[in-house]
Amino acid sequence: MKKLAALVALTSFALTACVTTESTGTAASNTTQQLGMVAIKVAINAKCTTELNSLPAWKTATRVMTDEQKTNVQGQICGCVSEKAPQSVTAVDLATAAIDPQARATIVSNVVTKTINQCVAEAIK
């Protein structure tokens, strides 16, 4: 009887360890993805501002705007780009962005390029 109780206890302990390991691995993966998304959003905002200021159409359109209007529209456009980023980035990209600054720069450049024109069009409407 004691052997059976010991066997049950040992089996329960082993199964609990398996469950704990799997959930910890998932939590670590989710944390890495969240860190990657934060890193990408910050970089996207900076890249968006730079890209926007270099667009000839933006330069022309902002000539008649006050600084406050320009800042508001720029915030709206870059906010749009940041919101659309999760739709353009894979989980692998997020994990890579959390770890590798060079990969993050490439990912950010691709995301901004894909979405900035769409967001400018939305902001103008």
PDB file of N, CA and C in Angstrom:
ATOM      1  N   MET A   1       0.822  -1.183   0.000  1.00  0.00           N
ATOM      2  CA  MET A   1       0.000   0.000   0.000  1.00  0.00           C
ATOM      3  C   MET A   1       0.876   1.260   0.000  1.00  0.00           C
ATOM      4  N   LYS A   2       1.942   1.234   0.801  1.00  0.00           N
ATOM      5  CA  LYS A   2       2.844   2.384   0.847  1.00  0.00           C
ATOM      6  C   LYS A   2       3.522   2.599  -0.505  1.00  0.00           C
ATOM      7  N   LYS A   3       3.858   1.494  -1.174  1.00  0.00           N
ATOM      8  CA  LYS A   3       4.491   1.615  -2.480  1.00  0.00           C
ATOM      9  C   LYS A   3       3.537   2.259  -3.498  1.00  0.00           C
ATOM     10  N   LEU A   4       2.262   1.885  -3.419  1.00  0.00           N
ATOM     11  CA  LEU A   4       1.266   2.452  -4.321  1.00  0.00           C
ATOM     12  C   LEU A   4       1.094   3.946  -4.070  1.00  0.00           C
ATOM     13  N   ALA A   5       1.041   4.355  -2.800  1.00  0.00           N
ATOM     14  CA  ALA A   5       0.905   5.768  -2.455  1.00  0.00           C
ATOM     15  C   ALA A   5       2.129   6.552  -2.924  1.00  0.00           C
ATOM     16  N   ALA A   6       3.307   5.958  -2.765  1.00  0.00           N
ATOM     17  CA  ALA A   6       4.535   6.620  -3.203  1.00  0.00           C
ATOM     18  C   ALA A   6       4.557   6.755  -4.728  1.00  0.00           C
ATOM     19  N   LEU A   7       4.099   5.713  -5.424  1.00  0.00           N
ATOM     20  CA  LEU A   7       4.051   5.742  -6.874  1.00  0.00           C
ATOM     21  C   LEU A   7       3.074   6.812  -7.369  1.00  0.00           C
ATOM     22  N   VAL A   8       1.912   6.914  -6.744  1.00  0.00           N
ATOM     23  CA  VAL A   8       0.919   7.927  -7.109  1.00  0.00           C
ATOM     24  C   VAL A   8       1.473   9.324  -6.852  1.00  0.00           C
ATOM     25  N   ALA A   9       2.112   9.523  -5.712  1.00  0.00           N
ATOM     26  CA  ALA A   9       2.687  10.829  -5.376  1.00  0.00           C
ATOM     27  C   ALA A   9       3.784  11.207  -6.368  1.00  0.00           C
ATOM     28  N   LEU A  10       4.627  10.265  -6.707  1.00  0.00           N
ATOM     29  CA  LEU A  10       5.719  10.519  -7.643  1.00  0.00           C
ATOM     30  C   LEU A  10       5.176  10.841  -9.041  1.00  0.00           C
ATOM     31  N   THR A  11       4.164  10.107  -9.466  1.00  0.00           N
ATOM     32  CA  THR A  11       3.548  10.361 -10.769  1.00  0.00           C
ATOM     33  C   THR A  11       2.889  11.735 -10.802  1.00  0.00           C
ATOM     34  N   SER A  12       2.182  12.083  -9.731  1.00  0.00           N
ATOM     35  CA  SER A  12       1.542  13.398  -9.653  1.00  0.00           C
ATOM     36  C   SER A  12       2.580  14.505  -9.714  1.00  0.00           C
ATOM     37  N   PHE A  13       3.671  14.336  -9.010  1.00  0.00           N
ATOM     38  CA  PHE A  13       4.734  15.336  -9.011  1.00  0.00           C
ATOM     39  C   PHE A  13       5.327  15.496 -10.412  1.00  0.00           C
ATOM     40  N   ALA A  14       5.549  14.376 -11.083  1.00  0.00           N
ATOM     41  CA  ALA A  14       6.122  14.419 -12.429  1.00  0.00           C
ATOM     42  C   ALA A  14       5.184  15.116 -13.413  1.00  0.00           C
ATOM     43  N   LEU A  15       3.894  14.827 -13.329  1.00  0.00           N
ATOM     44  CA  LEU A  15       2.934  15.468 -14.221  1.00  0.00           C
ATOM     45  C   LEU A  15       2.811  16.957 -13.938  1.00  0.00           C
ATOM     46  N   THR A  16       2.872  17.342 -12.674  1.00  0.00           N
ATOM     47  CA  THR A  16       2.831  18.759 -12.313  1.00  0.00           C
ATOM     48  C   THR A  16       4.044  19.488 -12.876  1.00  0.00           C
ATOM     49  N   ALA A  17       5.191  18.863 -12.824  1.00  0.00           N
ATOM     50  CA  ALA A  17       6.406  19.472 -13.362  1.00  0.00           C
ATOM     51  C   ALA A  17       6.282  19.687 -14.867  1.00  0.00           C
ATOM     52  N   CYS A  18       5.663  18.766 -15.571  1.00  0.00           N
ATOM     53  CA  CYS A  18       5.476  18.922 -17.011  1.00  0.00           C
ATOM     54  C   CYS A  18       4.564  20.093 -17.324  1.00  0.00           C
ATOM     55  N   VAL A  19       3.497  20.223 -16.578  1.00  0.00           N
ATOM     56  CA  VAL A  19       2.554  21.318 -16.799  1.00  0.00           C
ATOM     57  C   VAL A  19       3.219  22.651 -16.508  1.00  0.00           C
ATOM     58  N   THR A  20       3.973  22.725 -15.425  1.00  0.00           N
ATOM     59  CA  THR A  20       4.642  23.960 -15.053  1.00  0.00           C
ATOM     60  C   THR A  20       5.660  24.367 -16.117  1.00  0.00           C
ATOM     61  N   THR A  21       6.409  23.434 -16.628  1.00  0.00           N
ATOM     62  CA  THR A  21       7.404  23.743 -17.648  1.00  0.00           C
ATOM     63  C   THR A  21       6.748  24.275 -18.905  1.00  0.00           C
ATOM     64  N   GLU A  22       5.648  23.663 -19.327  1.00  0.00           N
ATOM     65  CA  GLU A  22       4.987  24.116 -20.545  1.00  0.00           C
ATOM     66  C   GLU A  22       4.415  25.513 -20.381  1.00  0.00           C
ATOM     67  N   SER A  23       3.790  25.797 -19.244  1.00  0.00           N
ATOM     68  CA  SER A  23       3.198  27.121 -19.061  1.00  0.00           C
ATOM     69  C   SER A  23       4.277  28.189 -18.914  1.00  0.00           C
ATOM     70  N   THR A  24       5.403  27.851 -18.327  1.00  0.00           N
ATOM     71  CA  THR A  24       6.496  28.805 -18.216  1.00  0.00           C
ATOM     72  C   THR A  24       7.066  29.123 -19.591  1.00  0.00           C
ATOM     73  N   GLY A  25       7.187  28.116 -20.440  1.00  0.00           N
ATOM     74  CA  GLY A  25       7.683  28.338 -21.788  1.00  0.00           C
ATOM     75  C   GLY A  25       6.759  29.246 -22.577  1.00  0.00           C
ATOM     76  N   THR A  26       5.461  29.055 -22.423  1.00  0.00           N
ATOM     77  CA  THR A  26       4.488  29.897 -23.103  1.00  0.00           C
ATOM     78  C   THR A  26       4.544  31.321 -22.572  1.00  0.00           C
ATOM     79  N   ALA A  27       4.673  31.458 -21.256  1.00  0.00           N
ATOM     80  CA  ALA A  27       4.755  32.790 -20.654  1.00  0.00           C
ATOM     81  C   ALA A  27       5.999  33.525 -21.141  1.00  0.00           C
ATOM     82  N   ALA A  28       7.101  32.825 -21.235  1.00  0.00           N
ATOM     83  CA  ALA A  28       8.332  33.452 -21.724  1.00  0.00           C
ATOM     84  C   ALA A  28       8.172  33.881 -23.178  1.00  0.00           C
ATOM     85  N   SER A  29       7.520  33.054 -23.957  1.00  0.00           N
ATOM     86  CA  SER A  29       7.284  33.393 -25.360  1.00  0.00           C
ATOM     87  C   SER A  29       6.387  34.624 -25.483  1.00  0.00           C
ATOM     88  N   ASN A  30       5.323  34.673 -24.687  1.00  0.00           N
ATOM     89  CA  ASN A  30       4.420  35.826 -24.711  1.00  0.00           C
ATOM     90  C   ASN A  30       5.128  37.093 -24.269  1.00  0.00           C
ATOM     91  N   THR A  31       5.959  36.990 -23.238  1.00  0.00           N
ATOM     92  CA  THR A  31       6.710  38.152 -22.758  1.00  0.00           C
ATOM     93  C   THR A  31       7.658  38.660 -23.836  1.00  0.00           C
ATOM     94  N   THR A  32       8.326  37.751 -24.508  1.00  0.00           N
ATOM     95  CA  THR A  32       9.237  38.142 -25.586  1.00  0.00           C
ATOM     96  C   THR A  32       8.478  38.851 -26.699  1.00  0.00           C
ATOM     97  N   GLN A  33       7.298  38.335 -27.052  1.00  0.00           N
ATOM     98  CA  GLN A  33       6.492  38.970 -28.092  1.00  0.00           C
ATOM     99  C   GLN A  33       6.022  40.353 -27.660  1.00  0.00           C
ATOM    100  N   GLN A  34       5.635  40.493 -26.381  1.00  0.00           N
ATOM    101  CA  GLN A  34       5.184  41.793 -25.883  1.00  0.00           C
ATOM    102  C   GLN A  34       6.329  42.801 -25.898  1.00  0.00           C
ATOM    103  N   LEU A  35       7.513  42.367 -25.472  1.00  0.00           N
ATOM    104  CA  LEU A  35       8.673  43.257 -25.513  1.00  0.00           C
ATOM    105  C   LEU A  35       9.001  43.643 -26.950  1.00  0.00           C
ATOM    106  N   GLY A  36       8.889  42.681 -27.846  1.00  0.00           N
ATOM    107  CA  GLY A  36       9.128  42.962 -29.254  1.00  0.00           C
ATOM    108  C   GLY A  36       8.148  43.986 -29.796  1.00  0.00           C
ATOM    109  N   MET A  37       6.875  43.870 -29.412  1.00  0.00           N
ATOM    110  CA  MET A  37       5.861  44.816 -29.893  1.00  0.00           C
ATOM    111  C   MET A  37       6.125  46.211 -29.346  1.00  0.00           C
ATOM    112  N   VAL A  38       6.512  46.318 -28.079  1.00  0.00           N
ATOM    113  CA  VAL A  38       6.825  47.631 -27.506  1.00  0.00           C
ATOM    114  C   VAL A  38       8.010  48.242 -28.238  1.00  0.00           C
ATOM    115  N   ALA A  39       9.042  47.441 -28.443  1.00  0.00           N
ATOM    116  CA  ALA A  39      10.236  47.935 -29.152  1.00  0.00           C
ATOM    117  C   ALA A  39       9.886  48.375 -30.566  1.00  0.00           C
ATOM    118  N   ILE A  40       9.054  47.607 -31.227  1.00  0.00           N
ATOM    119  CA  ILE A  40       8.666  47.954 -32.597  1.00  0.00           C
ATOM    120  C   ILE A  40       7.814  49.209 -32.627  1.00  0.00           C
ATOM    121  N   LYS A  41       6.863  49.354 -31.702  1.00  0.00           N
ATOM    122  CA  LYS A  41       5.992  50.536 -31.710  1.00  0.00           C
ATOM    123  C   LYS A  41       6.789  51.821 -31.476  1.00  0.00           C
ATOM    124  N   VAL A  42       7.744  51.773 -30.574  1.00  0.00           N
ATOM    125  CA  VAL A  42       8.578  52.949 -30.323  1.00  0.00           C
ATOM    126  C   VAL A  42       9.389  53.284 -31.580  1.00  0.00           C
ATOM    127  N   ALA A  43       9.974  52.266 -32.167  1.00  0.00           N
ATOM    128  CA  ALA A  43      10.778  52.483 -33.372  1.00  0.00           C
ATOM    129  C   ALA A  43       9.909  52.922 -34.548  1.00  0.00           C
ATOM    130  N   ILE A  44       8.699  52.388 -34.636  1.00  0.00           N
ATOM    131  CA  ILE A  44       7.784  52.769 -35.717  1.00  0.00           C
ATOM    132  C   ILE A  44       7.434  54.250 -35.619  1.00  0.00           C
ATOM    133  N   ASN A  45       7.157  54.718 -34.433  1.00  0.00           N
ATOM    134  CA  ASN A  45       6.810  56.127 -34.264  1.00  0.00           C
ATOM    135  C   ASN A  45       7.946  57.033 -34.720  1.00  0.00           C
ATOM    136  N   ALA A  46       9.168  56.695 -34.323  1.00  0.00           N
ATOM    137  CA  ALA A  46      10.329  57.495 -34.732  1.00  0.00           C
ATOM    138  C   ALA A  46      10.540  57.425 -36.244  1.00  0.00           C
ATOM    139  N   LYS A  47      10.453  56.235 -36.808  1.00  0.00           N
ATOM    140  CA  LYS A  47      10.653  56.053 -38.247  1.00  0.00           C
ATOM    141  C   LYS A  47       9.543  56.747 -39.039  1.00  0.00           C
ATOM    142  N   CYS A  48       8.324  56.688 -38.529  1.00  0.00           N
ATOM    143  CA  CYS A  48       7.197  57.328 -39.198  1.00  0.00           C
ATOM    144  C   CYS A  48       7.410  58.832 -39.286  1.00  0.00           C
ATOM    145  N   THR A  49       7.833  59.433 -38.205  1.00  0.00           N
ATOM    146  CA  THR A  49       8.082  60.872 -38.190  1.00  0.00           C
ATOM    147  C   THR A  49       9.147  61.244 -39.218  1.00  0.00           C
ATOM    148  N   THR A  50      10.216  60.480 -39.262  1.00  0.00           N
ATOM    149  CA  THR A  50      11.292  60.729 -40.215  1.00  0.00           C
ATOM    150  C   THR A  50      10.808  60.571 -41.651  1.00  0.00           C
ATOM    151  N   GLU A  51      10.103  59.469 -41.911  1.00  0.00           N
ATOM    152  CA  GLU A  51       9.592  59.210 -43.269  1.00  0.00           C
ATOM    153  C   GLU A  51       8.604  60.291 -43.699  1.00  0.00           C
ATOM    154  N   LEU A  52       7.717  60.650 -42.786  1.00  0.00           N
ATOM    155  CA  LEU A  52       6.691  61.634 -43.097  1.00  0.00           C
ATOM    156  C   LEU A  52       7.316  62.980 -43.454  1.00  0.00           C
ATOM    157  N   ASN A  53       8.298  63.392 -42.674  1.00  0.00           N
ATOM    158  CA  ASN A  53       8.951  64.681 -42.923  1.00  0.00           C
ATOM    159  C   ASN A  53       9.757  64.694 -44.224  1.00  0.00           C
ATOM    160  N   SER A  54      10.070  63.519 -44.761  1.00  0.00           N
ATOM    161  CA  SER A  54      10.827  63.480 -46.017  1.00  0.00           C
ATOM    162  C   SER A  54       9.919  63.352 -47.251  1.00  0.00           C
ATOM    163  N   LEU A  55       8.634  63.141 -47.046  1.00  0.00           N
ATOM    164  CA  LEU A  55       7.716  63.040 -48.184  1.00  0.00           C
ATOM    165  C   LEU A  55       7.444  64.418 -48.792  1.00  0.00           C
ATOM    166  N   PRO A  56       7.635  64.581 -50.093  1.00  0.00           N
ATOM    167  CA  PRO A  56       7.368  65.877 -50.738  1.00  0.00           C
ATOM    168  C   PRO A  56       5.916  66.336 -50.547  1.00  0.00           C
ATOM    169  N   ALA A  57       4.987  65.421 -50.609  1.00  0.00           N
ATOM    170  CA  ALA A  57       3.571  65.783 -50.437  1.00  0.00           C
ATOM    171  C   ALA A  57       3.319  66.320 -49.025  1.00  0.00           C
ATOM    172  N   TRP A  58       3.990  65.738 -48.040  1.00  0.00           N
ATOM    173  CA  TRP A  58       3.837  66.205 -46.661  1.00  0.00           C
ATOM    174  C   TRP A  58       4.404  67.617 -46.513  1.00  0.00           C
ATOM    175  N   LYS A  59       5.557  67.845 -47.124  1.00  0.00           N
ATOM    176  CA  LYS A  59       6.177  69.167 -47.051  1.00  0.00           C
ATOM    177  C   LYS A  59       5.265  70.225 -47.674  1.00  0.00           C
ATOM    178  N   THR A  60       4.650  69.877 -48.795  1.00  0.00           N
ATOM    179  CA  THR A  60       3.743  70.805 -49.473  1.00  0.00           C
ATOM    180  C   THR A  60       2.492  71.051 -48.628  1.00  0.00           C
ATOM    181  N   ALA A  61       1.920  69.993 -48.117  1.00  0.00           N
ATOM    182  CA  ALA A  61       0.670  70.108 -47.344  1.00  0.00           C
ATOM    183  C   ALA A  61       0.863  70.875 -46.034  1.00  0.00           C
ATOM    184  N   THR A  62       2.014  70.750 -45.426  1.00  0.00           N
ATOM    185  CA  THR A  62       2.221  71.387 -44.125  1.00  0.00           C
ATOM    186  C   THR A  62       2.654  72.848 -44.227  1.00  0.00           C
ATOM    187  N   ARG A  63       2.910  73.332 -45.394  1.00  0.00           N
ATOM    188  CA  ARG A  63       3.306  74.744 -45.547  1.00  0.00           C
ATOM    189  C   ARG A  63       2.210  75.692 -45.070  1.00  0.00           C
ATOM    190  N   VAL A  64       0.973  75.306 -45.238  1.00  0.00           N
ATOM    191  CA  VAL A  64      -0.136  76.171 -44.838  1.00  0.00           C
ATOM    192  C   VAL A  64      -0.665  75.852 -43.434  1.00  0.00           C
ATOM    193  N   MET A  65      -0.050  74.880 -42.763  1.00  0.00           N
ATOM    194  CA  MET A  65      -0.491  74.488 -41.423  1.00  0.00           C
ATOM    195  C   MET A  65       0.306  75.209 -40.349  1.00  0.00           C
ATOM    196  N   THR A  66      -0.350  75.425 -39.215  1.00  0.00           N
ATOM    197  CA  THR A  66       0.376  75.934 -38.052  1.00  0.00           C
ATOM    198  C   THR A  66       1.178  74.769 -37.474  1.00  0.00           C
ATOM    199  N   ASP A  67       2.116  75.076 -36.584  1.00  0.00           N
ATOM    200  CA  ASP A  67       2.908  74.018 -35.954  1.00  0.00           C
ATOM    201  C   ASP A  67       2.009  73.062 -35.173  1.00  0.00           C
ATOM    202  N   GLU A  68       0.993  73.600 -34.527  1.00  0.00           N
ATOM    203  CA  GLU A  68       0.075  72.756 -33.751  1.00  0.00           C
ATOM    204  C   GLU A  68      -0.711  71.819 -34.668  1.00  0.00           C
ATOM    205  N   GLN A  69      -1.201  72.329 -35.774  1.00  0.00           N
ATOM    206  CA  GLN A  69      -1.935  71.498 -36.734  1.00  0.00           C
ATOM    207  C   GLN A  69      -1.024  70.400 -37.304  1.00  0.00           C
ATOM    208  N   LYS A  70       0.188  70.801 -37.646  1.00  0.00           N
ATOM    209  CA  LYS A  70       1.148  69.850 -38.194  1.00  0.00           C
ATOM    210  C   LYS A  70       1.429  68.729 -37.189  1.00  0.00           C
ATOM    211  N   THR A  71       1.630  69.099 -35.935  1.00  0.00           N
ATOM    212  CA  THR A  71       1.897  68.113 -34.888  1.00  0.00           C
ATOM    213  C   THR A  71       0.705  67.189 -34.680  1.00  0.00           C
ATOM    214  N   ASN A  72      -0.499  67.740 -34.700  1.00  0.00           N
ATOM    215  CA  ASN A  72      -1.701  66.922 -34.524  1.00  0.00           C
ATOM    216  C   ASN A  72      -1.887  65.918 -35.660  1.00  0.00           C
ATOM    217  N   VAL A  73      -1.733  66.369 -36.889  1.00  0.00           N
ATOM    218  CA  VAL A  73      -1.904  65.484 -38.043  1.00  0.00           C
ATOM    219  C   VAL A  73      -0.795  64.433 -38.058  1.00  0.00           C
ATOM    220  N   GLN A  74       0.423  64.853 -37.754  1.00  0.00           N
ATOM    221  CA  GLN A  74       1.544  63.916 -37.710  1.00  0.00           C
ATOM    222  C   GLN A  74       1.297  62.850 -36.649  1.00  0.00           C
ATOM    223  N   GLY A  75       0.795  63.243 -35.495  1.00  0.00           N
ATOM    224  CA  GLY A  75       0.465  62.288 -34.437  1.00  0.00           C
ATOM    225  C   GLY A  75      -0.627  61.327 -34.866  1.00  0.00           C
ATOM    226  N   GLN A  76      -1.604  61.851 -35.583  1.00  0.00           N
ATOM    227  CA  GLN A  76      -2.696  61.008 -36.077  1.00  0.00           C
ATOM    228  C   GLN A  76      -2.174  59.982 -37.089  1.00  0.00           C
ATOM    229  N   ILE A  77      -1.333  60.425 -37.999  1.00  0.00           N
ATOM    230  CA  ILE A  77      -0.796  59.525 -39.028  1.00  0.00           C
ATOM    231  C   ILE A  77       0.112  58.472 -38.399  1.00  0.00           C
ATOM    232  N   CYS A  78       1.039  58.893 -37.565  1.00  0.00           N
ATOM    233  CA  CYS A  78       1.969  57.938 -36.961  1.00  0.00           C
ATOM    234  C   CYS A  78       1.264  57.018 -35.953  1.00  0.00           C
ATOM    235  N   GLY A  79       0.215  57.517 -35.318  1.00  0.00           N
ATOM    236  CA  GLY A  79      -0.595  56.658 -34.452  1.00  0.00           C
ATOM    237  C   GLY A  79      -1.285  55.577 -35.267  1.00  0.00           C
ATOM    238  N   CYS A  80      -1.770  55.947 -36.423  1.00  0.00           N
ATOM    239  CA  CYS A  80      -2.386  54.991 -37.354  1.00  0.00           C
ATOM    240  C   CYS A  80      -1.373  53.924 -37.766  1.00  0.00           C
ATOM    241  N   VAL A  81      -0.181  54.353 -38.116  1.00  0.00           N
ATOM    242  CA  VAL A  81       0.864  53.407 -38.518  1.00  0.00           C
ATOM    243  C   VAL A  81       1.172  52.448 -37.370  1.00  0.00           C
ATOM    244  N   SER A  82       1.280  52.975 -36.152  1.00  0.00           N
ATOM    245  CA  SER A  82       1.557  52.125 -34.988  1.00  0.00           C
ATOM    246  C   SER A  82       0.426  51.137 -34.720  1.00  0.00           C
ATOM    247  N   GLU A  83      -0.812  51.564 -34.946  1.00  0.00           N
ATOM    248  CA  GLU A  83      -1.957  50.682 -34.727  1.00  0.00           C
ATOM    249  C   GLU A  83      -2.006  49.562 -35.763  1.00  0.00           C
ATOM    250  N   LYS A  84      -1.587  49.847 -36.980  1.00  0.00           N
ATOM    251  CA  LYS A  84      -1.633  48.850 -38.042  1.00  0.00           C
ATOM    252  C   LYS A  84      -0.427  47.900 -37.998  1.00  0.00           C
ATOM    253  N   ALA A  85       0.563  48.212 -37.202  1.00  0.00           N
ATOM    254  CA  ALA A  85       1.777  47.393 -37.121  1.00  0.00           C
ATOM    255  C   ALA A  85       1.497  45.936 -36.753  1.00  0.00           C
ATOM    256  N   PRO A  86       0.660  45.662 -35.764  1.00  0.00           N
ATOM    257  CA  PRO A  86       0.434  44.249 -35.411  1.00  0.00           C
ATOM    258  C   PRO A  86      -0.129  43.423 -36.565  1.00  0.00           C
ATOM    259  N   GLN A  87      -0.796  44.050 -37.502  1.00  0.00           N
ATOM    260  CA  GLN A  87      -1.356  43.328 -38.639  1.00  0.00           C
ATOM    261  C   GLN A  87      -0.280  42.956 -39.657  1.00  0.00           C
ATOM    262  N   SER A  88       0.842  43.643 -39.612  1.00  0.00           N
ATOM    263  CA  SER A  88       1.906  43.426 -40.593  1.00  0.00           C
ATOM    264  C   SER A  88       3.105  42.667 -40.044  1.00  0.00           C
ATOM    265  N   VAL A  89       3.083  42.341 -38.753  1.00  0.00           N
ATOM    266  CA  VAL A  89       4.243  41.739 -38.110  1.00  0.00           C
ATOM    267  C   VAL A  89       3.876  40.364 -37.564  1.00  0.00           C
ATOM    268  N   THR A  90       4.728  39.388 -37.815  1.00  0.00           N
ATOM    269  CA  THR A  90       4.495  38.032 -37.309  1.00  0.00           C
ATOM    270  C   THR A  90       5.064  37.882 -35.897  1.00  0.00           C
ATOM    271  N   ALA A  91       4.686  36.812 -35.227  1.00  0.00           N
ATOM    272  CA  ALA A  91       5.207  36.526 -33.888  1.00  0.00           C
ATOM    273  C   ALA A  91       6.718  36.320 -33.924  1.00  0.00           C
ATOM    274  N   VAL A  92       7.207  35.712 -34.970  1.00  0.00           N
ATOM    275  CA  VAL A  92       8.655  35.507 -35.120  1.00  0.00           C
ATOM    276  C   VAL A  92       9.359  36.854 -35.248  1.00  0.00           C
ATOM    277  N   ASP A  93       8.762  37.771 -36.026  1.00  0.00           N
ATOM    278  CA  ASP A  93       9.334  39.115 -36.169  1.00  0.00           C
ATOM    279  C   ASP A  93       9.392  39.816 -34.812  1.00  0.00           C
ATOM    280  N   LEU A  94       8.335  39.671 -34.014  1.00  0.00           N
ATOM    281  CA  LEU A  94       8.300  40.317 -32.699  1.00  0.00           C
ATOM    282  C   LEU A  94       9.394  39.784 -31.787  1.00  0.00           C
ATOM    283  N   ALA A  95       9.553  38.481 -31.776  1.00  0.00           N
ATOM    284  CA  ALA A  95      10.598  37.880 -30.939  1.00  0.00           C
ATOM    285  C   ALA A  95      11.978  38.331 -31.404  1.00  0.00           C
ATOM    286  N   THR A  96      12.169  38.374 -32.703  1.00  0.00           N
ATOM    287  CA  THR A  96      13.449  38.813 -33.256  1.00  0.00           C
ATOM    288  C   THR A  96      13.700  40.286 -32.936  1.00  0.00           C
ATOM    289  N   ALA A  97      12.663  41.107 -33.029  1.00  0.00           N
ATOM    290  CA  ALA A  97      12.799  42.542 -32.759  1.00  0.00           C
ATOM    291  C   ALA A  97      13.174  42.811 -31.313  1.00  0.00           C
ATOM    292  N   ALA A  98      12.726  41.961 -30.408  1.00  0.00           N
ATOM    293  CA  ALA A  98      13.053  42.144 -28.994  1.00  0.00           C
ATOM    294  C   ALA A  98      14.529  41.901 -28.723  1.00  0.00           C
ATOM    295  N   ILE A  99      15.154  41.108 -29.569  1.00  0.00           N
ATOM    296  CA  ILE A  99      16.533  40.692 -29.328  1.00  0.00           C
ATOM    297  C   ILE A  99      17.550  41.393 -30.223  1.00  0.00           C
ATOM    298  N   ASP A 100      17.210  41.580 -31.494  1.00  0.00           N
ATOM    299  CA  ASP A 100      18.170  42.050 -32.489  1.00  0.00           C
ATOM    300  C   ASP A 100      17.816  43.446 -33.018  1.00  0.00           C
ATOM    301  N   PRO A 101      18.576  44.471 -32.651  1.00  0.00           N
ATOM    302  CA  PRO A 101      18.285  45.836 -33.103  1.00  0.00           C
ATOM    303  C   PRO A 101      18.327  46.004 -34.621  1.00  0.00           C
ATOM    304  N   GLN A 102      19.209  45.299 -35.306  1.00  0.00           N
ATOM    305  CA  GLN A 102      19.292  45.419 -36.765  1.00  0.00           C
ATOM    306  C   GLN A 102      18.042  44.840 -37.422  1.00  0.00           C
ATOM    307  N   ALA A 103      17.590  43.703 -36.919  1.00  0.00           N
ATOM    308  CA  ALA A 103      16.357  43.103 -37.449  1.00  0.00           C
ATOM    309  C   ALA A 103      15.172  44.012 -37.149  1.00  0.00           C
ATOM    310  N   ARG A 104      15.168  44.618 -35.957  1.00  0.00           N
ATOM    311  CA  ARG A 104      14.084  45.533 -35.585  1.00  0.00           C
ATOM    312  C   ARG A 104      14.017  46.698 -36.574  1.00  0.00           C
ATOM    313  N   ALA A 105      15.164  47.246 -36.944  1.00  0.00           N
ATOM    314  CA  ALA A 105      15.193  48.366 -37.888  1.00  0.00           C
ATOM    315  C   ALA A 105      14.631  47.956 -39.243  1.00  0.00           C
ATOM    316  N   THR A 106      14.963  46.773 -39.697  1.00  0.00           N
ATOM    317  CA  THR A 106      14.451  46.277 -40.976  1.00  0.00           C
ATOM    318  C   THR A 106      12.950  46.050 -40.916  1.00  0.00           C
ATOM    319  N   ILE A 107      12.492  45.428 -39.844  1.00  0.00           N
ATOM    320  CA  ILE A 107      11.062  45.159 -39.668  1.00  0.00           C
ATOM    321  C   ILE A 107      10.290  46.469 -39.617  1.00  0.00           C
ATOM    322  N   VAL A 108      10.799  47.423 -38.851  1.00  0.00           N
ATOM    323  CA  VAL A 108      10.144  48.725 -38.717  1.00  0.00           C
ATOM    324  C   VAL A 108      10.070  49.434 -40.058  1.00  0.00           C
ATOM    325  N   SER A 109      11.146  49.426 -40.796  1.00  0.00           N
ATOM    326  CA  SER A 109      11.166  50.082 -42.099  1.00  0.00           C
ATOM    327  C   SER A 109      10.116  49.480 -43.028  1.00  0.00           C
ATOM    328  N   ASN A 110      10.017  48.156 -43.023  1.00  0.00           N
ATOM    329  CA  ASN A 110       9.026  47.486 -43.870  1.00  0.00           C
ATOM    330  C   ASN A 110       7.599  47.838 -43.454  1.00  0.00           C
ATOM    331  N   VAL A 111       7.333  47.857 -42.163  1.00  0.00           N
ATOM    332  CA  VAL A 111       5.984  48.148 -41.665  1.00  0.00           C
ATOM    333  C   VAL A 111       5.593  49.588 -42.001  1.00  0.00           C
ATOM    334  N   VAL A 112       6.500  50.521 -41.771  1.00  0.00           N
ATOM    335  CA  VAL A 112       6.203  51.928 -42.048  1.00  0.00           C
ATOM    336  C   VAL A 112       5.961  52.134 -43.534  1.00  0.00           C
ATOM    337  N   THR A 113       6.793  51.536 -44.357  1.00  0.00           N
ATOM    338  CA  THR A 113       6.636  51.667 -45.804  1.00  0.00           C
ATOM    339  C   THR A 113       5.285  51.127 -46.273  1.00  0.00           C
ATOM    340  N   LYS A 114       4.863  50.001 -45.694  1.00  0.00           N
ATOM    341  CA  LYS A 114       3.592  49.390 -46.094  1.00  0.00           C
ATOM    342  C   LYS A 114       2.379  50.220 -45.686  1.00  0.00           C
ATOM    343  N   THR A 115       2.474  50.942 -44.573  1.00  0.00           N
ATOM    344  CA  THR A 115       1.271  51.556 -44.013  1.00  0.00           C
ATOM    345  C   THR A 115       1.206  53.075 -44.048  1.00  0.00           C
ATOM    346  N   ILE A 116       2.308  53.764 -44.258  1.00  0.00           N
ATOM    347  CA  ILE A 116       2.288  55.221 -44.122  1.00  0.00           C
ATOM    348  C   ILE A 116       1.386  55.887 -45.163  1.00  0.00           C
ATOM    349  N   ASN A 117       1.432  55.447 -46.405  1.00  0.00           N
ATOM    350  CA  ASN A 117       0.592  56.065 -47.437  1.00  0.00           C
ATOM    351  C   ASN A 117      -0.890  55.865 -47.144  1.00  0.00           C
ATOM    352  N   GLN A 118      -1.220  54.673 -46.678  1.00  0.00           N
ATOM    353  CA  GLN A 118      -2.612  54.395 -46.313  1.00  0.00           C
ATOM    354  C   GLN A 118      -3.065  55.295 -45.173  1.00  0.00           C
ATOM    355  N   CYS A 119      -2.218  55.492 -44.187  1.00  0.00           N
ATOM    356  CA  CYS A 119      -2.566  56.329 -43.039  1.00  0.00           C
ATOM    357  C   CYS A 119      -2.637  57.809 -43.408  1.00  0.00           C
ATOM    358  N   VAL A 120      -1.790  58.250 -44.317  1.00  0.00           N
ATOM    359  CA  VAL A 120      -1.863  59.644 -44.790  1.00  0.00           C
ATOM    360  C   VAL A 120      -3.209  59.862 -45.489  1.00  0.00           C
ATOM    361  N   ALA A 121      -3.592  58.925 -46.320  1.00  0.00           N
ATOM    362  CA  ALA A 121      -4.873  59.027 -47.030  1.00  0.00           C
ATOM    363  C   ALA A 121      -6.048  59.081 -46.040  1.00  0.00           C
ATOM    364  N   GLU A 122      -5.980  58.270 -44.983  1.00  0.00           N
ATOM    365  CA  GLU A 122      -7.037  58.265 -43.965  1.00  0.00           C
ATOM    366  C   GLU A 122      -7.078  59.584 -43.209  1.00  0.00           C
ATOM    367  N   ALA A 123      -5.912  60.150 -42.921  1.00  0.00           N
ATOM    368  CA  ALA A 123      -5.855  61.396 -42.161  1.00  0.00           C
ATOM    369  C   ALA A 123      -6.370  62.578 -42.966  1.00  0.00           C
ATOM    370  N   ILE A 124      -6.157  62.539 -44.269  1.00  0.00           N
ATOM    371  CA  ILE A 124      -6.598  63.643 -45.126  1.00  0.00           C
ATOM    372  C   ILE A 124      -8.111  63.672 -45.268  1.00  0.00           C
ATOM    373  N   LYS A 125      -8.744  62.508 -45.230  1.00  0.00           N
ATOM    374  CA  LYS A 125     -10.214  62.434 -45.390  1.00  0.00           C
ATOM    375  C   LYS A 125     -10.921  63.140 -44.317  1.00  0.00           C
TER     376      LYS A 125
END
